[in-house]
PDB file of N, CA and C in Angstrom:
ATOM      1  N   UNK A   1      76.205  87.805 -67.250  1.00  0.00           N
ATOM      2  CA  UNK A   1      76.730  88.783 -67.842  1.00  0.00           C
ATOM      3  C   UNK A   1      75.772  90.269 -67.006  1.00  0.00           C
ATOM      4  N   UNK A   2      76.802  91.194 -66.773  1.00  0.00           N
ATOM      5  CA  UNK A   2      75.784  92.196 -65.789  1.00  0.00           C
ATOM      6  C   UNK A   2      75.454  92.966 -66.983  1.00  0.00           C
ATOM      7  N   UNK A   3      74.097  93.514 -66.196  1.00  0.00           N
ATOM      8  CA  UNK A   3      73.448  94.344 -66.997  1.00  0.00           C
ATOM      9  C   UNK A   3      73.712  95.751 -66.922  1.00  0.00           C
ATOM     10  N   UNK A   4      73.099  96.319 -68.736  1.00  0.00           N
ATOM     11  CA  UNK A   4      74.576  97.117 -69.055  1.00  0.00           C
ATOM     12  C   UNK A   4      73.428  98.615 -68.176  1.00  0.00           C
ATOM     13  N   UNK A   5      74.083  99.555 -68.297  1.00  0.00           N
ATOM     14  CA  UNK A   5      73.481 100.580 -67.569  1.00  0.00           C
ATOM     15  C   UNK A   5      72.780 101.067 -68.666  1.00  0.00           C
ATOM     16  N   UNK A   6      71.812 102.362 -68.029  1.00  0.00           N
ATOM     17  CA  UNK A   6      70.750 102.974 -69.175  1.00  0.00           C
ATOM     18  C   UNK A   6      72.020 103.736 -70.026  1.00  0.00           C
ATOM     19  N   UNK A   7      72.567 104.682 -69.579  1.00  0.00           N
ATOM     20  CA  UNK A   7      73.414 106.088 -69.917  1.00  0.00           C
ATOM     21  C   UNK A   7      74.157 104.660 -71.336  1.00  0.00           C
ATOM     22  N   UNK A   8      74.722 103.500 -71.278  1.00  0.00           N
ATOM     23  CA  UNK A   8      75.223 103.259 -71.640  1.00  0.00           C
ATOM     24  C   UNK A   8      74.308 102.266 -73.378  1.00  0.00           C
ATOM     25  N   UNK A   9      73.552 102.220 -73.071  1.00  0.00           N
ATOM     26  CA  UNK A   9      72.565 101.714 -73.281  1.00  0.00           C
ATOM     27  C   UNK A   9      72.053 102.661 -74.498  1.00  0.00           C
ATOM     28  N   UNK A  10      71.816 103.677 -74.251  1.00  0.00           N
ATOM     29  CA  UNK A  10      71.526 104.870 -74.748  1.00  0.00           C
ATOM     30  C   UNK A  10      72.545 105.304 -75.941  1.00  0.00           C
ATOM     31  N   UNK A  11      73.669 105.262 -75.726  1.00  0.00           N
ATOM     32  CA  UNK A  11      75.326 105.169 -75.789  1.00  0.00           C
ATOM     33  C   UNK A  11      74.840 104.366 -76.992  1.00  0.00           C
ATOM     34  N   UNK A  12      75.245 103.417 -77.344  1.00  0.00           N
ATOM     35  CA  UNK A  12      74.669 102.283 -78.554  1.00  0.00           C
ATOM     36  C   UNK A  12      73.601 102.255 -79.007  1.00  0.00           C
ATOM     37  N   UNK A  13      72.305 102.853 -78.594  1.00  0.00           N
ATOM     38  CA  UNK A  13      71.224 103.237 -79.681  1.00  0.00           C
ATOM     39  C   UNK A  13      72.072 104.382 -79.922  1.00  0.00           C
ATOM     40  N   UNK A  14      72.371 105.509 -80.076  1.00  0.00           N
ATOM     41  CA  UNK A  14      72.282 106.684 -80.586  1.00  0.00           C
ATOM     42  C   UNK A  14      73.665 106.049 -81.637  1.00  0.00           C
ATOM     43  N   UNK A  15      74.248 105.264 -81.488  1.00  0.00           N
ATOM     44  CA  UNK A  15      75.596 104.759 -82.385  1.00  0.00           C
ATOM     45  C   UNK A  15      74.509 103.668 -83.476  1.00  0.00           C
ATOM     46  N   UNK A  16      74.005 103.238 -83.322  1.00  0.00           N
ATOM     47  CA  UNK A  16      73.376 102.039 -84.267  1.00  0.00           C
ATOM     48  C   UNK A  16      72.016 103.576 -84.515  1.00  0.00           C
ATOM     49  N   UNK A  17      71.163 104.222 -84.241  1.00  0.00           N
ATOM     50  CA  UNK A  17      70.657 105.870 -85.392  1.00  0.00           C
ATOM     51  C   UNK A  17      72.001 106.039 -86.166  1.00  0.00           C
ATOM     52  N   UNK A  18      72.612 106.834 -86.279  1.00  0.00           N
ATOM     53  CA  UNK A  18      73.777 107.204 -86.678  1.00  0.00           C
ATOM     54  C   UNK A  18      74.859 106.423 -88.028  1.00  0.00           C
ATOM     55  N   UNK A  19      74.683 105.288 -87.316  1.00  0.00           N
ATOM     56  CA  UNK A  19      75.108 104.060 -88.567  1.00  0.00           C
ATOM     57  C   UNK A  19      73.546 104.010 -89.421  1.00  0.00           C
ATOM     58  N   UNK A  20      72.780 103.453 -89.406  1.00  0.00           N
ATOM     59  CA  UNK A  20      71.567 103.479 -89.716  1.00  0.00           C
ATOM     60  C   UNK A  20      71.091 105.217 -90.805  1.00  0.00           C
ATOM     61  N   UNK A  21      71.350 105.530 -90.216  1.00  0.00           N
ATOM     62  CA  UNK A  21      70.876 107.141 -90.885  1.00  0.00           C
ATOM     63  C   UNK A  21      72.342 107.478 -92.194  1.00  0.00           C
ATOM     64  N   UNK A  22      73.363 106.872 -92.010  1.00  0.00           N
ATOM     65  CA  UNK A  22      74.691 106.893 -93.181  1.00  0.00           C
ATOM     66  C   UNK A  22      73.966 106.343 -94.401  1.00  0.00           C
ATOM     67  N   UNK A  23      72.843 105.283 -94.109  1.00  0.00           N
ATOM     68  CA  UNK A  23      72.913 104.611 -95.237  1.00  0.00           C
ATOM     69  C   UNK A  23      73.935 103.876 -96.117  1.00  0.00           C
ATOM     70  N   UNK A  24      75.231 103.163 -95.291  1.00  0.00           N
ATOM     71  CA  UNK A  24      75.964 102.654 -96.031  1.00  0.00           C
ATOM     72  C   UNK A  24      76.400 101.611 -95.506  1.00  0.00           C
ATOM     73  N   UNK A  25      75.817 100.608 -94.559  1.00  0.00           N
ATOM     74  CA  UNK A  25      75.894  99.284 -94.468  1.00  0.00           C
ATOM     75  C   UNK A  25      74.835  98.875 -94.773  1.00  0.00           C
ATOM     76  N   UNK A  26      75.175  96.994 -95.668  1.00  0.00           N
ATOM     77  CA  UNK A  26      74.248  96.470 -96.575  1.00  0.00           C
ATOM     78  C   UNK A  26      73.270  96.109 -95.603  1.00  0.00           C
ATOM     79  N   UNK A  27      72.505  96.108 -96.200  1.00  0.00           N
ATOM     80  CA  UNK A  27      70.985  95.072 -95.965  1.00  0.00           C
ATOM     81  C   UNK A  27      70.985  94.142 -94.447  1.00  0.00           C
ATOM     82  N   UNK A  28      71.621  93.396 -95.223  1.00  0.00           N
ATOM     83  CA  UNK A  28      71.630  92.503 -93.862  1.00  0.00           C
ATOM     84  C   UNK A  28      72.064  92.955 -92.450  1.00  0.00           C
ATOM     85  N   UNK A  29      73.260  93.995 -92.671  1.00  0.00           N
ATOM     86  CA  UNK A  29      74.193  94.587 -91.468  1.00  0.00           C
ATOM     87  C   UNK A  29      73.105  95.571 -90.910  1.00  0.00           C
ATOM     88  N   UNK A  30      72.332  96.199 -91.546  1.00  0.00           N
ATOM     89  CA  UNK A  30      71.062  97.216 -91.055  1.00  0.00           C
ATOM     90  C   UNK A  30      70.158  96.431 -90.757  1.00  0.00           C
ATOM     91  N   UNK A  31      69.641  95.423 -91.494  1.00  0.00           N
ATOM     92  CA  UNK A  31      68.709  94.963 -89.860  1.00  0.00           C
ATOM     93  C   UNK A  31      69.336  94.059 -89.211  1.00  0.00           C
ATOM     94  N   UNK A  32      70.312  93.935 -88.981  1.00  0.00           N
ATOM     95  CA  UNK A  32      70.994  93.087 -87.657  1.00  0.00           C
ATOM     96  C   UNK A  32      70.708  94.413 -86.704  1.00  0.00           C
ATOM     97  N   UNK A  33      71.577  95.903 -86.979  1.00  0.00           N
ATOM     98  CA  UNK A  33      71.428  97.414 -86.332  1.00  0.00           C
ATOM     99  C   UNK A  33      69.805  97.375 -86.030  1.00  0.00           C
ATOM    100  N   UNK A  34      69.218  97.380 -86.757  1.00  0.00           N
ATOM    101  CA  UNK A  34      67.885  97.848 -86.504  1.00  0.00           C
ATOM    102  C   UNK A  34      67.054  96.907 -85.233  1.00  0.00           C
ATOM    103  N   UNK A  35      67.337  95.243 -85.255  1.00  0.00           N
ATOM    104  CA  UNK A  35      66.693  94.795 -85.025  1.00  0.00           C
ATOM    105  C   UNK A  35      67.445  94.577 -83.147  1.00  0.00           C
ATOM    106  N   UNK A  36      69.095  95.626 -83.443  1.00  0.00           N
ATOM    107  CA  UNK A  36      69.701  95.559 -81.933  1.00  0.00           C
ATOM    108  C   UNK A  36      68.767  96.730 -81.494  1.00  0.00           C
ATOM    109  N   UNK A  37      68.752  97.886 -81.835  1.00  0.00           N
ATOM    110  CA  UNK A  37      68.174  98.770 -81.696  1.00  0.00           C
ATOM    111  C   UNK A  37      66.675  98.769 -80.987  1.00  0.00           C
ATOM    112  N   UNK A  38      66.110  98.225 -81.612  1.00  0.00           N
ATOM    113  CA  UNK A  38      64.755  97.986 -81.409  1.00  0.00           C
ATOM    114  C   UNK A  38      64.905  96.387 -79.546  1.00  0.00           C
ATOM    115  N   UNK A  39      66.252  95.889 -79.516  1.00  0.00           N
ATOM    116  CA  UNK A  39      65.757  95.497 -78.172  1.00  0.00           C
ATOM    117  C   UNK A  39      66.228  95.863 -77.149  1.00  0.00           C
ATOM    118  N   UNK A  40      67.184  96.866 -77.594  1.00  0.00           N
ATOM    119  CA  UNK A  40      67.559  98.112 -76.801  1.00  0.00           C
ATOM    120  C   UNK A  40      66.787  99.344 -76.248  1.00  0.00           C
ATOM    121  N   UNK A  41      65.818  99.910 -76.909  1.00  0.00           N
ATOM    122  CA  UNK A  41      64.526 100.327 -76.974  1.00  0.00           C
ATOM    123  C   UNK A  41      63.827 100.107 -76.079  1.00  0.00           C
ATOM    124  N   UNK A  42      63.576  98.615 -76.028  1.00  0.00           N
ATOM    125  CA  UNK A  42      62.642  98.269 -74.921  1.00  0.00           C
ATOM    126  C   UNK A  42      63.098  97.898 -73.431  1.00  0.00           C
ATOM    127  N   UNK A  43      64.530  97.423 -73.600  1.00  0.00           N
ATOM    128  CA  UNK A  43      64.939  97.705 -72.467  1.00  0.00           C
ATOM    129  C   UNK A  43      65.375  98.434 -71.783  1.00  0.00           C
ATOM    130  N   UNK A  44      65.462  99.471 -72.825  1.00  0.00           N
ATOM    131  CA  UNK A  44      65.608 100.804 -71.896  1.00  0.00           C
ATOM    132  C   UNK A  44      64.152 101.325 -71.543  1.00  0.00           C
ATOM    133  N   UNK A  45      62.867 101.299 -71.837  1.00  0.00           N
ATOM    134  CA  UNK A  45      61.865 101.182 -71.532  1.00  0.00           C
ATOM    135  C   UNK A  45      61.523 100.257 -70.211  1.00  0.00           C
ATOM    136  N   UNK A  46      61.955  99.642 -69.945  1.00  0.00           N
ATOM    137  CA  UNK A  46      61.421  98.708 -68.677  1.00  0.00           C
ATOM    138  C   UNK A  46      62.548  99.271 -67.885  1.00  0.00           C
ATOM    139  N   UNK A  47      63.620  99.784 -68.120  1.00  0.00           N
ATOM    140  CA  UNK A  47      64.664 100.536 -67.164  1.00  0.00           C
ATOM    141  C   UNK A  47      63.613 101.570 -66.765  1.00  0.00           C
ATOM    142  N   UNK A  48      63.488 102.025 -67.675  1.00  0.00           N
ATOM    143  CA  UNK A  48      62.590 103.707 -67.363  1.00  0.00           C
ATOM    144  C   UNK A  48      60.913 103.307 -66.978  1.00  0.00           C
ATOM    145  N   UNK A  49      60.642 102.306 -67.170  1.00  0.00           N
ATOM    146  CA  UNK A  49      59.415 102.018 -66.680  1.00  0.00           C
ATOM    147  C   UNK A  49      59.302 101.373 -64.552  1.00  0.00           C
ATOM    148  N   UNK A  50      60.789 101.680 -64.303  1.00  0.00           N
ATOM    149  CA  UNK A  50      61.254 100.449 -62.799  1.00  0.00           C
ATOM    150  C   UNK A  50      61.488 101.909 -62.613  1.00  0.00           C
ATOM    151  N   UNK A  51      61.818 102.591 -62.892  1.00  0.00           N
ATOM    152  CA  UNK A  51      62.443 103.683 -62.421  1.00  0.00           C
ATOM    153  C   UNK A  51      61.218 105.154 -61.715  1.00  0.00           C
ATOM    154  N   UNK A  52      60.820 104.401 -62.504  1.00  0.00           N
ATOM    155  CA  UNK A  52      58.794 105.739 -62.984  1.00  0.00           C
ATOM    156  C   UNK A  52      58.613 105.060 -61.269  1.00  0.00           C
ATOM    157  N   UNK A  53      58.665 103.568 -61.243  1.00  0.00           N
ATOM    158  CA  UNK A  53      57.712 103.252 -59.893  1.00  0.00           C
ATOM    159  C   UNK A  53      58.606 103.270 -58.510  1.00  0.00           C
ATOM    160  N   UNK A  54      59.567 104.329 -58.475  1.00  0.00           N
ATOM    161  CA  UNK A  54      60.332 104.164 -57.556  1.00  0.00           C
ATOM    162  C   UNK A  54      60.461 106.247 -56.966  1.00  0.00           C
ATOM    163  N   UNK A  55      60.331 106.365 -58.105  1.00  0.00           N
ATOM    164  CA  UNK A  55      60.257 107.869 -57.502  1.00  0.00           C
ATOM    165  C   UNK A  55      58.604 108.148 -56.882  1.00  0.00           C
ATOM    166  N   UNK A  56      59.213 109.002 -56.180  1.00  0.00           N
ATOM    167  CA  UNK A  56      58.340 109.745 -55.124  1.00  0.00           C
ATOM    168  C   UNK A  56      58.524 111.253 -54.581  1.00  0.00           C
ATOM    169  N   UNK A  57      57.530 111.769 -54.625  1.00  0.00           N
ATOM    170  CA  UNK A  57      57.076 113.733 -54.135  1.00  0.00           C
ATOM    171  C   UNK A  57      56.908 113.737 -52.737  1.00  0.00           C
ATOM    172  N   UNK A  58      57.523 114.902 -52.631  1.00  0.00           N
ATOM    173  CA  UNK A  58      58.003 114.880 -51.007  1.00  0.00           C
ATOM    174  C   UNK A  58      56.621 115.778 -51.465  1.00  0.00           C
ATOM    175  N   UNK A  59      55.453 116.247 -50.784  1.00  0.00           N
ATOM    176  CA  UNK A  59      54.555 117.426 -50.299  1.00  0.00           C
ATOM    177  C   UNK A  59      54.182 117.612 -49.030  1.00  0.00           C
ATOM    178  N   UNK A  60      54.157 119.125 -49.079  1.00  0.00           N
ATOM    179  CA  UNK A  60      53.556 119.556 -47.584  1.00  0.00           C
ATOM    180  C   UNK A  60      52.372 119.137 -47.158  1.00  0.00           C
ATOM    181  N   UNK A  61      52.281 118.512 -46.022  1.00  0.00           N
ATOM    182  CA  UNK A  61      50.952 118.434 -45.384  1.00  0.00           C
ATOM    183  C   UNK A  61      50.340 119.842 -45.211  1.00  0.00           C
ATOM    184  N   UNK A  62      48.525 119.854 -44.721  1.00  0.00           N
ATOM    185  CA  UNK A  62      48.362 121.140 -44.231  1.00  0.00           C
ATOM    186  C   UNK A  62      48.306 121.080 -43.197  1.00  0.00           C
ATOM    187  N   UNK A  63      49.030 120.783 -41.938  1.00  0.00           N
ATOM    188  CA  UNK A  63      49.894 120.693 -40.898  1.00  0.00           C
ATOM    189  C   UNK A  63      51.399 121.041 -40.790  1.00  0.00           C
ATOM    190  N   UNK A  64      51.739 120.974 -42.081  1.00  0.00           N
ATOM    191  CA  UNK A  64      52.918 121.711 -42.527  1.00  0.00           C
ATOM    192  C   UNK A  64      54.300 120.334 -42.807  1.00  0.00           C
ATOM    193  N   UNK A  65      53.568 119.203 -42.543  1.00  0.00           N
ATOM    194  CA  UNK A  65      54.885 118.447 -42.513  1.00  0.00           C
ATOM    195  C   UNK A  65      54.875 117.852 -43.950  1.00  0.00           C
ATOM    196  N   UNK A  66      56.227 117.303 -44.155  1.00  0.00           N
ATOM    197  CA  UNK A  66      56.391 117.116 -45.730  1.00  0.00           C
ATOM    198  C   UNK A  66      56.212 115.100 -45.707  1.00  0.00           C
ATOM    199  N   UNK A  67      55.159 114.684 -46.403  1.00  0.00           N
ATOM    200  CA  UNK A  67      54.914 113.512 -46.708  1.00  0.00           C
ATOM    201  C   UNK A  67      55.118 113.279 -47.728  1.00  0.00           C
ATOM    202  N   UNK A  68      55.475 111.820 -47.808  1.00  0.00           N
ATOM    203  CA  UNK A  68      56.068 111.225 -49.160  1.00  0.00           C
ATOM    204  C   UNK A  68      54.907 110.296 -50.169  1.00  0.00           C
ATOM    205  N   UNK A  69      54.464 110.755 -50.982  1.00  0.00           N
ATOM    206  CA  UNK A  69      53.584 110.171 -52.008  1.00  0.00           C
ATOM    207  C   UNK A  69      54.396 110.027 -53.342  1.00  0.00           C
ATOM    208  N   UNK A  70      53.467 108.823 -54.082  1.00  0.00           N
ATOM    209  CA  UNK A  70      53.665 108.235 -54.906  1.00  0.00           C
ATOM    210  C   UNK A  70      53.960 109.234 -56.072  1.00  0.00           C
ATOM    211  N   UNK A  71      54.806 109.121 -56.866  1.00  0.00           N
ATOM    212  CA  UNK A  71      54.538 109.905 -58.275  1.00  0.00           C
ATOM    213  C   UNK A  71      54.072 109.792 -59.294  1.00  0.00           C
ATOM    214  N   UNK A  72      53.287 111.172 -59.518  1.00  0.00           N
ATOM    215  CA  UNK A  72      52.304 110.567 -60.968  1.00  0.00           C
ATOM    216  C   UNK A  72      52.481 111.101 -61.924  1.00  0.00           C
ATOM    217  N   UNK A  73      52.586 110.970 -63.301  1.00  0.00           N
ATOM    218  CA  UNK A  73      52.885 111.372 -64.482  1.00  0.00           C
ATOM    219  C   UNK A  73      51.799 112.224 -64.884  1.00  0.00           C
ATOM    220  N   UNK A  74      52.011 113.653 -65.386  1.00  0.00           N
ATOM    221  CA  UNK A  74      51.239 115.001 -65.395  1.00  0.00           C
ATOM    222  C   UNK A  74      49.849 113.947 -66.967  1.00  0.00           C
ATOM    223  N   UNK A  75      50.221 112.747 -67.210  1.00  0.00           N
ATOM    224  CA  UNK A  75      49.280 112.110 -68.078  1.00  0.00           C
ATOM    225  C   UNK A  75      48.174 111.659 -67.486  1.00  0.00           C
ATOM    226  N   UNK A  76      48.576 110.804 -66.574  1.00  0.00           N
ATOM    227  CA  UNK A  76      47.563 110.030 -65.531  1.00  0.00           C
ATOM    228  C   UNK A  76      46.755 111.417 -64.632  1.00  0.00           C
ATOM    229  N   UNK A  77      47.494 112.084 -64.241  1.00  0.00           N
ATOM    230  CA  UNK A  77      46.210 113.344 -63.815  1.00  0.00           C
ATOM    231  C   UNK A  77      44.944 113.220 -64.435  1.00  0.00           C
TER     232      UNK A  77
END
């Protein structure tokens, strides 16, 4: 089965949140939705981690040349 896109997973997660917030589903269905949402969240986190590892920043060196450097989130600086 093909891997779902981040965007399609986000749409499904938002749908699950809406369904759970309504509070109309029986407990057993709510548990299934919660479990699906948890799995989606974990999968999306992995996709974001992979994307972050691929991101680079173009910075100008002292010599005026553009240099590609790895992206470091502000939290780690």
